[in-house]
Amino acid sequence: MGRASRSKDERVPSSAELQRESTKLYRQYSQQRNEQRCKANGRQSIRTYPHSPYGCK
């Protein structure tokens, strides 16, 4: 009983929070990859990531 109330206070991140965090990290990662690819190609690569808000202009 005491153990259950203690783990509540410890504030374990929920799966939704973990999902949000990993999504954020993945977005940063794909943005960096997208920018590198843009510089390498020297042209637009928006079509490469149609679902992404990032792209070279």
C-alpha atoms as a PDB file:
ATOM      1  CA  MET A   1       0.000   0.000   0.000  1.00  0.00           C
ATOM      2  CA  GLY A   2       2.707   2.494   0.985  1.00  0.00           C
ATOM      3  CA  ARG A   3       4.725   1.456  -2.040  1.00  0.00           C
ATOM      4  CA  ALA A   4       1.896   2.215  -4.493  1.00  0.00           C
ATOM      5  CA  SER A   5       1.410   5.750  -3.194  1.00  0.00           C
ATOM      6  CA  ARG A   6       5.161   6.358  -3.346  1.00  0.00           C
ATOM      7  CA  SER A   7       5.468   5.344  -6.992  1.00  0.00           C
ATOM      8  CA  LYS A   8       2.657   7.785  -7.789  1.00  0.00           C
ATOM      9  CA  ASP A   9       4.695  10.606  -6.270  1.00  0.00           C
ATOM     10  CA  GLU A  10       7.778   9.593  -8.244  1.00  0.00           C
ATOM     11  CA  ARG A  11       6.004  10.682 -11.421  1.00  0.00           C
ATOM     12  CA  VAL A  12       6.832   8.047 -14.003  1.00  0.00           C
ATOM     13  CA  PRO A  13       6.362   9.427 -17.539  1.00  0.00           C
ATOM     14  CA  SER A  14       3.381   7.958 -19.329  1.00  0.00           C
ATOM     15  CA  SER A  15       3.668   6.252 -22.699  1.00  0.00           C
ATOM     16  CA  ALA A  16       1.985   9.268 -24.312  1.00  0.00           C
ATOM     17  CA  GLU A  17       4.682  11.557 -22.931  1.00  0.00           C
ATOM     18  CA  LEU A  18       7.436   9.224 -24.094  1.00  0.00           C
ATOM     19  CA  GLN A  19       5.818   9.086 -27.526  1.00  0.00           C
ATOM     20  CA  ARG A  20       5.701  12.882 -27.699  1.00  0.00           C
ATOM     21  CA  GLU A  21       9.353  13.164 -26.673  1.00  0.00           C
ATOM     22  CA  SER A  22      10.561  10.616 -29.223  1.00  0.00           C
ATOM     23  CA  THR A  23       8.488  12.318 -31.929  1.00  0.00           C
ATOM     24  CA  LYS A  24      10.128  15.632 -31.083  1.00  0.00           C
ATOM     25  CA  LEU A  25      13.603  14.108 -31.241  1.00  0.00           C
ATOM     26  CA  TYR A  26      12.780  12.395 -34.537  1.00  0.00           C
ATOM     27  CA  ARG A  27      11.562  15.683 -36.022  1.00  0.00           C
ATOM     28  CA  GLN A  28      14.810  17.404 -35.062  1.00  0.00           C
ATOM     29  CA  TYR A  29      16.777  14.500 -36.544  1.00  0.00           C
ATOM     30  CA  SER A  30      14.891  14.508 -39.835  1.00  0.00           C
ATOM     31  CA  GLN A  31      15.171  18.296 -40.055  1.00  0.00           C
ATOM     32  CA  GLN A  32      18.955  18.047 -39.769  1.00  0.00           C
ATOM     33  CA  ARG A  33      19.082  15.242 -42.337  1.00  0.00           C
ATOM     34  CA  ASN A  34      16.839  17.240 -44.640  1.00  0.00           C
ATOM     35  CA  GLU A  35      19.036  20.332 -44.387  1.00  0.00           C
ATOM     36  CA  GLN A  36      22.189  18.301 -45.059  1.00  0.00           C
ATOM     37  CA  ARG A  37      20.597  16.682 -48.087  1.00  0.00           C
ATOM     38  CA  CYS A  38      19.450  20.089 -49.335  1.00  0.00           C
ATOM     39  CA  LYS A  39      22.949  21.508 -49.109  1.00  0.00           C
ATOM     40  CA  ALA A  40      24.408  18.439 -50.800  1.00  0.00           C
ATOM     41  CA  ASN A  41      21.904  18.544 -53.637  1.00  0.00           C
ATOM     42  CA  GLY A  42      21.833  22.320 -53.891  1.00  0.00           C
ATOM     43  CA  ARG A  43      18.141  22.202 -54.748  1.00  0.00           C
ATOM     44  CA  GLN A  44      14.702  21.819 -53.213  1.00  0.00           C
ATOM     45  CA  SER A  45      13.955  18.588 -51.384  1.00  0.00           C
ATOM     46  CA  ILE A  46      10.459  19.391 -50.122  1.00  0.00           C
ATOM     47  CA  ARG A  47       9.087  16.436 -52.087  1.00  0.00           C
ATOM     48  CA  THR A  48      11.360  14.119 -50.134  1.00  0.00           C
ATOM     49  CA  TYR A  49       9.459  14.889 -46.925  1.00  0.00           C
ATOM     50  CA  PRO A  50       5.890  15.710 -48.000  1.00  0.00           C
ATOM     51  CA  HIS A  51       4.645  15.000 -44.464  1.00  0.00           C
ATOM     52  CA  SER A  52       7.279  17.218 -42.870  1.00  0.00           C
ATOM     53  CA  PRO A  53       6.999  20.962 -42.184  1.00  0.00           C
ATOM     54  CA  TYR A  54      10.660  21.355 -43.152  1.00  0.00           C
ATOM     55  CA  GLY A  55      12.138  21.643 -46.585  1.00  0.00           C
ATOM     56  CA  CYS A  56      14.622  23.668 -48.597  1.00  0.00           C
ATOM     57  CA  LYS A  57      13.401  26.782 -50.249  1.00  0.00           C
END
